[in-house]
Amino acid sequence: MKSTNNLKAFRDASGFTQERVASFLSIERGTLSNYELGTRETPLPILIELSNLYGVDIADFYETDPEKVKDALICSFRVDDLTDENLKDVANFKDVVKSYLKMNYIEHQ
């Protein structure tokens, strides 16, 4: 199962260019383009980094229900003029928030 359309949708919703995300991931822009186009399967470590950067679950990259994707896109926000180090800090923060929300959800089941 490919994550192509949603990878681009989350990148666009976050306001990042392919160049910016590729730099954050330490990969070539063309490699990211191949992931988004579905010509190459996205490796799990890259999906983890992208999910942290965009503040979504990895499963959201594979979601086929447009309403669920739309709901996940609501959590995206645009950030301009950040260094790679700032982006890593943002991604780490979003990862902590996602973990907290999951734990909170489990606790209240």
Protein backbone atom coordinates (compact mmCIF):
# COMPACT_ATOMS: atom_id res chain seq x y z
CA MET A 1 0.00 0.00 0.00
CA LYS A 2 1.44 3.35 -1.03
CA SER A 3 1.34 6.60 0.90
CA THR A 4 1.76 8.84 -2.13
CA ASN A 5 -1.14 11.29 -2.15
CA ASN A 6 -1.19 11.89 1.57
CA LEU A 7 2.56 12.55 1.80
CA LYS A 8 2.17 15.48 -0.57
CA ALA A 9 -1.08 16.66 1.04
CA PHE A 10 0.51 16.87 4.49
CA ARG A 11 3.60 18.59 3.10
CA ASP A 12 1.46 21.13 1.26
CA ALA A 13 -0.75 21.71 4.33
CA SER A 14 2.38 22.38 6.37
CA GLY A 15 3.63 24.89 3.80
CA PHE A 16 6.92 23.12 3.14
CA THR A 17 8.64 22.78 -0.20
CA GLN A 18 10.13 19.47 -1.29
CA GLU A 19 13.56 21.05 -0.92
CA ARG A 20 12.87 22.01 2.70
CA VAL A 21 11.55 18.59 3.71
CA ALA A 22 14.32 16.78 1.83
CA SER A 23 16.90 18.89 3.66
CA PHE A 24 15.24 18.09 6.99
CA LEU A 25 15.35 14.37 6.13
CA SER A 26 18.92 14.59 4.76
CA ILE A 27 17.84 13.11 1.43
CA GLU A 28 17.77 14.41 -2.14
CA ARG A 29 14.70 16.34 -3.30
CA GLY A 30 14.26 13.84 -6.12
CA THR A 31 14.08 11.00 -3.60
CA LEU A 32 11.28 12.76 -1.73
CA SER A 33 9.53 13.39 -5.04
CA ASN A 34 9.72 9.67 -5.81
CA TYR A 35 8.14 8.88 -2.43
CA GLU A 36 5.33 11.36 -3.08
CA LEU A 37 4.76 10.07 -6.61
CA GLY A 38 4.82 6.46 -5.48
CA THR A 39 7.69 5.44 -7.74
CA ARG A 40 9.65 4.42 -4.62
CA GLU A 41 8.32 2.97 -1.40
CA THR A 42 8.92 5.27 1.57
CA PRO A 43 11.14 3.61 4.20
CA LEU A 44 9.76 3.36 7.73
CA PRO A 45 12.42 5.65 9.27
CA ILE A 46 11.44 8.37 6.77
CA LEU A 47 7.74 7.87 7.53
CA ILE A 48 8.49 8.24 11.25
CA GLU A 49 10.37 11.50 10.66
CA LEU A 50 7.59 12.82 8.40
CA SER A 51 4.87 11.87 10.87
CA ASN A 52 6.71 13.78 13.58
CA LEU A 53 7.31 16.78 11.32
CA TYR A 54 3.68 16.97 10.20
CA GLY A 55 2.24 16.00 13.60
CA VAL A 56 0.24 13.04 12.28
CA ASP A 57 0.25 9.28 12.76
CA ILE A 58 2.00 7.12 10.19
CA ALA A 59 -1.36 5.52 9.46
CA ASP A 60 -2.61 8.90 8.22
CA PHE A 61 -0.24 8.62 5.26
CA TYR A 62 -2.15 5.51 4.14
CA GLU A 63 -5.66 6.72 4.98
CA THR A 64 -8.07 6.45 2.06
CA ASP A 65 -11.10 8.11 3.66
CA PRO A 66 -10.98 11.76 2.55
CA GLU A 67 -12.81 12.92 5.69
CA LYS A 68 -10.24 11.30 7.98
CA VAL A 69 -7.40 12.85 5.98
CA LYS A 70 -9.15 16.22 6.19
CA ASP A 71 -9.44 15.84 9.98
CA ALA A 72 -5.71 15.04 10.24
CA LEU A 73 -4.87 18.03 8.02
CA ILE A 74 -6.63 20.33 10.48
CA CYS A 75 -3.78 19.68 12.92
CA SER A 76 -1.19 20.93 10.43
CA PHE A 77 0.20 24.41 10.77
CA ARG A 78 2.53 26.45 8.65
CA VAL A 79 5.93 27.55 9.87
CA ASP A 80 8.30 29.67 7.83
CA ASP A 81 12.01 30.45 8.06
CA LEU A 82 13.07 27.66 10.41
CA THR A 83 16.53 26.15 10.45
CA ASP A 84 16.95 22.38 10.19
CA GLU A 85 17.63 22.33 13.94
CA ASN A 86 14.40 24.26 14.61
CA LEU A 87 12.49 21.79 12.43
CA LYS A 88 13.92 18.89 14.42
CA ASP A 89 12.80 20.59 17.63
CA VAL A 90 9.29 21.09 16.19
CA ALA A 91 9.16 17.46 15.06
CA ASN A 92 10.29 16.24 18.48
CA PHE A 93 7.67 18.40 20.18
CA LYS A 94 4.92 17.10 17.91
CA ASP A 95 6.03 13.54 18.67
CA VAL A 96 5.71 14.22 22.40
CA VAL A 97 2.24 15.73 21.90
CA LYS A 98 1.11 12.75 19.79
CA SER A 99 2.34 10.35 22.48
CA TYR A 100 0.57 12.32 25.20
CA LEU A 101 -2.69 12.33 23.26
CA LYS A 102 -2.48 8.57 22.68
CA MET A 103 -1.79 7.92 26.36
CA ASN A 104 -4.64 10.22 27.36
CA TYR A 105 -6.98 8.42 24.95
CA ILE A 106 -5.99 5.01 26.31
CA GLU A 107 -6.37 6.19 29.90
CA HIS A 108 -9.93 7.38 29.29
CA GLN A 109 -11.16 4.27 27.46
